[in-house]
Amino acid sequence: MSERKRRKSGRKRLTAEERADFARQRRELIGKLIIQDDWEGAIVIEHIRGSQYLVRFPDGTEKFASHKKQKGKGNDGLIRDGWKLWEEK
């Protein structure tokens, strides 16, 4: 199999298998408990698009947040790092 083509931006294109795997990983976050500092007890309610999610905090408020995947972190049903409130750019 030939090496994947690089885009003009220098990033490699994802294969269909990689895209499916990443989509699966995003769906797996739904229903998980966040235990990151200042986010303790928050739950991922819905995946919106890309890195954007809807999160419910312990006080019942729901806010949009983004998540950056953390390399080398185990999947034990808890999410420890990588969350921040969504910012409009």
N, C-alpha and C. Protein backbone atom coordinates (compact mmCIF):
# COMPACT_ATOMS: atom_id res chain seq x y z
N MET A 1 0.85 -1.18 0.00
CA MET A 1 0.00 0.00 0.00
C MET A 1 0.89 1.24 0.00
N SER A 2 0.52 2.22 -0.77
CA SER A 2 1.34 3.42 -0.85
C SER A 2 1.15 4.30 0.38
N GLU A 3 2.12 5.13 0.63
CA GLU A 3 2.04 6.04 1.77
C GLU A 3 0.94 7.06 1.51
N ARG A 4 0.25 7.43 2.59
CA ARG A 4 -0.84 8.39 2.44
C ARG A 4 -0.32 9.73 1.91
N LYS A 5 -1.15 10.40 1.13
CA LYS A 5 -0.78 11.68 0.57
C LYS A 5 -0.81 12.75 1.66
N ARG A 6 0.05 13.71 1.52
CA ARG A 6 0.06 14.85 2.44
C ARG A 6 -0.73 15.99 1.81
N ARG A 7 -1.46 16.69 2.66
CA ARG A 7 -2.17 17.87 2.19
C ARG A 7 -1.17 19.02 2.06
N LYS A 8 -1.61 20.11 1.46
CA LYS A 8 -0.75 21.28 1.35
C LYS A 8 -0.39 21.82 2.72
N SER A 9 -1.24 21.56 3.72
CA SER A 9 -0.97 22.03 5.09
C SER A 9 0.10 21.18 5.76
N GLY A 10 0.50 20.07 5.13
CA GLY A 10 1.52 19.21 5.71
C GLY A 10 0.96 18.06 6.53
N ARG A 11 -0.35 18.05 6.77
CA ARG A 11 -0.97 16.97 7.54
C ARG A 11 -1.33 15.82 6.62
N LYS A 12 -1.22 14.59 7.13
CA LYS A 12 -1.59 13.41 6.36
C LYS A 12 -3.11 13.25 6.36
N ARG A 13 -3.63 12.75 5.25
CA ARG A 13 -5.05 12.43 5.19
C ARG A 13 -5.31 11.20 6.04
N LEU A 14 -6.48 11.17 6.66
CA LEU A 14 -6.86 10.02 7.46
C LEU A 14 -7.43 8.93 6.56
N THR A 15 -7.18 7.69 6.91
CA THR A 15 -7.79 6.59 6.19
C THR A 15 -9.23 6.44 6.70
N ALA A 16 -10.03 5.68 5.99
CA ALA A 16 -11.40 5.43 6.42
C ALA A 16 -11.42 4.75 7.79
N GLU A 17 -10.49 3.83 8.00
CA GLU A 17 -10.41 3.12 9.28
C GLU A 17 -10.07 4.08 10.42
N GLU A 18 -9.14 5.00 10.18
CA GLU A 18 -8.78 5.98 11.22
C GLU A 18 -9.95 6.89 11.55
N ARG A 19 -10.66 7.36 10.52
CA ARG A 19 -11.81 8.22 10.75
C ARG A 19 -12.88 7.51 11.57
N ALA A 20 -13.13 6.25 11.24
CA ALA A 20 -14.13 5.46 11.98
C ALA A 20 -13.69 5.26 13.43
N ASP A 21 -12.40 4.98 13.63
CA ASP A 21 -11.88 4.78 14.98
C ASP A 21 -12.01 6.06 15.81
N PHE A 22 -11.65 7.19 15.24
CA PHE A 22 -11.75 8.47 15.96
C PHE A 22 -13.21 8.79 16.29
N ALA A 23 -14.13 8.51 15.36
CA ALA A 23 -15.55 8.74 15.62
C ALA A 23 -16.03 7.86 16.77
N ARG A 24 -15.57 6.62 16.80
CA ARG A 24 -15.91 5.70 17.89
C ARG A 24 -15.39 6.23 19.22
N GLN A 25 -14.17 6.72 19.23
CA GLN A 25 -13.58 7.25 20.46
C GLN A 25 -14.38 8.45 20.97
N ARG A 26 -14.85 9.31 20.06
CA ARG A 26 -15.66 10.47 20.48
C ARG A 26 -16.99 10.01 21.07
N ARG A 27 -17.64 9.02 20.44
CA ARG A 27 -18.92 8.52 20.95
C ARG A 27 -18.75 7.86 22.32
N GLU A 28 -17.60 7.24 22.55
CA GLU A 28 -17.36 6.57 23.83
C GLU A 28 -17.30 7.53 25.01
N LEU A 29 -17.08 8.82 24.76
CA LEU A 29 -17.03 9.80 25.85
C LEU A 29 -18.42 10.12 26.41
N ILE A 30 -19.46 9.87 25.62
CA ILE A 30 -20.82 10.19 26.06
C ILE A 30 -21.16 9.35 27.29
N GLY A 31 -21.65 10.03 28.33
CA GLY A 31 -22.01 9.38 29.58
C GLY A 31 -20.86 9.25 30.57
N LYS A 32 -19.67 9.66 30.17
CA LYS A 32 -18.51 9.55 31.06
C LYS A 32 -18.48 10.70 32.07
N LEU A 33 -17.90 10.41 33.21
CA LEU A 33 -17.76 11.37 34.30
C LEU A 33 -16.42 12.08 34.16
N ILE A 34 -16.44 13.41 34.29
CA ILE A 34 -15.22 14.22 34.20
C ILE A 34 -14.74 14.50 35.62
N ILE A 35 -13.46 14.26 35.88
CA ILE A 35 -12.91 14.53 37.21
C ILE A 35 -11.73 15.50 37.14
N GLN A 36 -11.67 16.29 36.10
CA GLN A 36 -10.64 17.32 35.94
C GLN A 36 -10.90 18.42 36.97
N ASP A 37 -9.85 19.09 37.42
CA ASP A 37 -10.00 20.20 38.37
C ASP A 37 -11.04 21.20 37.86
N ASP A 38 -11.92 21.65 38.73
CA ASP A 38 -13.02 22.60 38.46
C ASP A 38 -14.12 22.00 37.59
N TRP A 39 -14.04 20.72 37.25
CA TRP A 39 -15.07 20.06 36.44
C TRP A 39 -15.59 18.81 37.15
N GLU A 40 -15.20 18.58 38.40
CA GLU A 40 -15.55 17.35 39.11
C GLU A 40 -17.05 17.11 39.09
N GLY A 41 -17.44 15.93 38.69
CA GLY A 41 -18.84 15.55 38.68
C GLY A 41 -19.60 15.91 37.42
N ALA A 42 -18.95 16.58 36.47
CA ALA A 42 -19.61 16.91 35.21
C ALA A 42 -19.72 15.64 34.36
N ILE A 43 -20.77 15.55 33.55
CA ILE A 43 -21.01 14.37 32.71
C ILE A 43 -21.16 14.81 31.26
N VAL A 44 -20.54 14.06 30.37
CA VAL A 44 -20.65 14.32 28.93
C VAL A 44 -22.02 13.84 28.48
N ILE A 45 -22.84 14.77 27.97
CA ILE A 45 -24.21 14.46 27.57
C ILE A 45 -24.31 14.10 26.09
N GLU A 46 -23.58 14.85 25.25
CA GLU A 46 -23.75 14.68 23.80
C GLU A 46 -22.50 15.11 23.06
N HIS A 47 -22.16 14.40 21.99
CA HIS A 47 -21.10 14.83 21.08
C HIS A 47 -21.76 15.70 20.03
N ILE A 48 -21.23 16.91 19.82
CA ILE A 48 -21.81 17.83 18.84
C ILE A 48 -21.13 17.66 17.49
N ARG A 49 -19.85 18.02 17.43
CA ARG A 49 -19.08 17.89 16.19
C ARG A 49 -17.61 18.09 16.51
N GLY A 50 -16.78 17.28 15.90
CA GLY A 50 -15.35 17.41 16.14
C GLY A 50 -15.02 17.24 17.60
N SER A 51 -14.41 18.25 18.20
CA SER A 51 -14.04 18.16 19.62
C SER A 51 -15.08 18.81 20.53
N GLN A 52 -16.23 19.21 19.98
CA GLN A 52 -17.24 19.91 20.77
C GLN A 52 -18.27 18.94 21.36
N TYR A 53 -18.56 19.15 22.66
CA TYR A 53 -19.50 18.31 23.39
C TYR A 53 -20.43 19.19 24.23
N LEU A 54 -21.56 18.61 24.62
CA LEU A 54 -22.44 19.24 25.59
C LEU A 54 -22.19 18.53 26.91
N VAL A 55 -21.93 19.31 27.97
CA VAL A 55 -21.57 18.76 29.27
C VAL A 55 -22.56 19.28 30.32
N ARG A 56 -23.01 18.39 31.21
CA ARG A 56 -23.88 18.79 32.32
C ARG A 56 -23.07 18.80 33.61
N PHE A 57 -23.12 19.95 34.29
CA PHE A 57 -22.39 20.12 35.54
C PHE A 57 -23.27 19.69 36.71
N PRO A 58 -22.66 19.43 37.88
CA PRO A 58 -23.42 18.94 39.03
C PRO A 58 -24.57 19.85 39.45
N ASP A 59 -24.47 21.16 39.17
CA ASP A 59 -25.56 22.07 39.55
C ASP A 59 -26.71 22.05 38.53
N GLY A 60 -26.60 21.21 37.50
CA GLY A 60 -27.66 21.06 36.51
C GLY A 60 -27.48 21.91 35.26
N THR A 61 -26.53 22.83 35.26
CA THR A 61 -26.31 23.65 34.07
C THR A 61 -25.65 22.82 32.98
N GLU A 62 -25.99 23.13 31.74
CA GLU A 62 -25.38 22.47 30.60
C GLU A 62 -24.62 23.50 29.79
N LYS A 63 -23.39 23.17 29.45
CA LYS A 63 -22.53 24.10 28.71
C LYS A 63 -21.82 23.34 27.60
N PHE A 64 -21.47 24.09 26.57
CA PHE A 64 -20.69 23.51 25.48
C PHE A 64 -19.22 23.55 25.88
N ALA A 65 -18.53 22.48 25.58
CA ALA A 65 -17.12 22.36 25.94
C ALA A 65 -16.37 21.66 24.82
N SER A 66 -15.07 21.85 24.82
CA SER A 66 -14.24 21.12 23.85
C SER A 66 -13.28 20.23 24.62
N HIS A 67 -12.89 19.14 23.97
CA HIS A 67 -12.01 18.17 24.61
C HIS A 67 -10.83 17.88 23.70
N LYS A 68 -9.64 17.98 24.26
CA LYS A 68 -8.43 17.61 23.54
C LYS A 68 -7.98 16.26 24.10
N LYS A 69 -7.85 15.28 23.21
CA LYS A 69 -7.46 13.94 23.64
C LYS A 69 -6.13 13.97 24.35
N GLN A 70 -6.02 13.15 25.39
CA GLN A 70 -4.80 13.04 26.17
C GLN A 70 -4.11 11.73 25.82
N LYS A 71 -2.89 11.81 25.35
CA LYS A 71 -2.16 10.60 24.96
C LYS A 71 -1.74 9.82 26.19
N GLY A 72 -1.84 8.51 26.10
CA GLY A 72 -1.36 7.64 27.15
C GLY A 72 -2.26 7.54 28.36
N LYS A 73 -3.47 8.05 28.29
CA LYS A 73 -4.39 7.97 29.42
C LYS A 73 -5.26 6.74 29.26
N GLY A 74 -5.46 6.00 30.35
CA GLY A 74 -6.28 4.79 30.31
C GLY A 74 -7.75 5.13 30.20
N ASN A 75 -8.55 4.15 29.79
CA ASN A 75 -9.99 4.33 29.66
C ASN A 75 -10.67 3.56 30.79
N ASP A 76 -10.89 4.25 31.92
CA ASP A 76 -11.49 3.59 33.07
C ASP A 76 -12.88 4.15 33.38
N GLY A 77 -13.48 4.84 32.40
CA GLY A 77 -14.80 5.40 32.61
C GLY A 77 -14.76 6.81 33.17
N LEU A 78 -13.57 7.32 33.44
CA LEU A 78 -13.41 8.67 33.96
C LEU A 78 -12.55 9.48 32.99
N ILE A 79 -12.84 10.75 32.91
CA ILE A 79 -12.06 11.63 32.04
C ILE A 79 -11.35 12.62 32.93
N ARG A 80 -10.03 12.61 32.90
CA ARG A 80 -9.25 13.39 33.85
C ARG A 80 -8.79 14.74 33.32
N ASP A 81 -8.49 14.88 32.05
CA ASP A 81 -7.87 16.10 31.53
C ASP A 81 -8.39 16.45 30.14
N GLY A 82 -8.08 17.67 29.71
CA GLY A 82 -8.30 18.07 28.34
C GLY A 82 -9.57 18.86 28.07
N TRP A 83 -10.33 19.22 29.10
CA TRP A 83 -11.60 19.92 28.89
C TRP A 83 -11.46 21.42 29.08
N LYS A 84 -12.17 22.19 28.24
CA LYS A 84 -12.30 23.64 28.45
C LYS A 84 -13.64 24.07 27.86
N LEU A 85 -14.17 25.16 28.39
CA LEU A 85 -15.43 25.67 27.86
C LEU A 85 -15.22 26.12 26.44
N TRP A 86 -16.26 25.92 25.62
CA TRP A 86 -16.18 26.24 24.21
C TRP A 86 -16.10 27.75 24.02
N GLU A 87 -15.21 28.17 23.15
CA GLU A 87 -15.05 29.59 22.86
C GLU A 87 -15.40 29.84 21.40
N GLU A 88 -16.22 30.86 21.17
CA GLU A 88 -16.53 31.27 19.80
C GLU A 88 -15.33 32.02 19.25
N LYS A 89 -14.92 31.69 18.04
CA LYS A 89 -13.75 32.38 17.45
C LYS A 89 -14.16 33.18 16.25
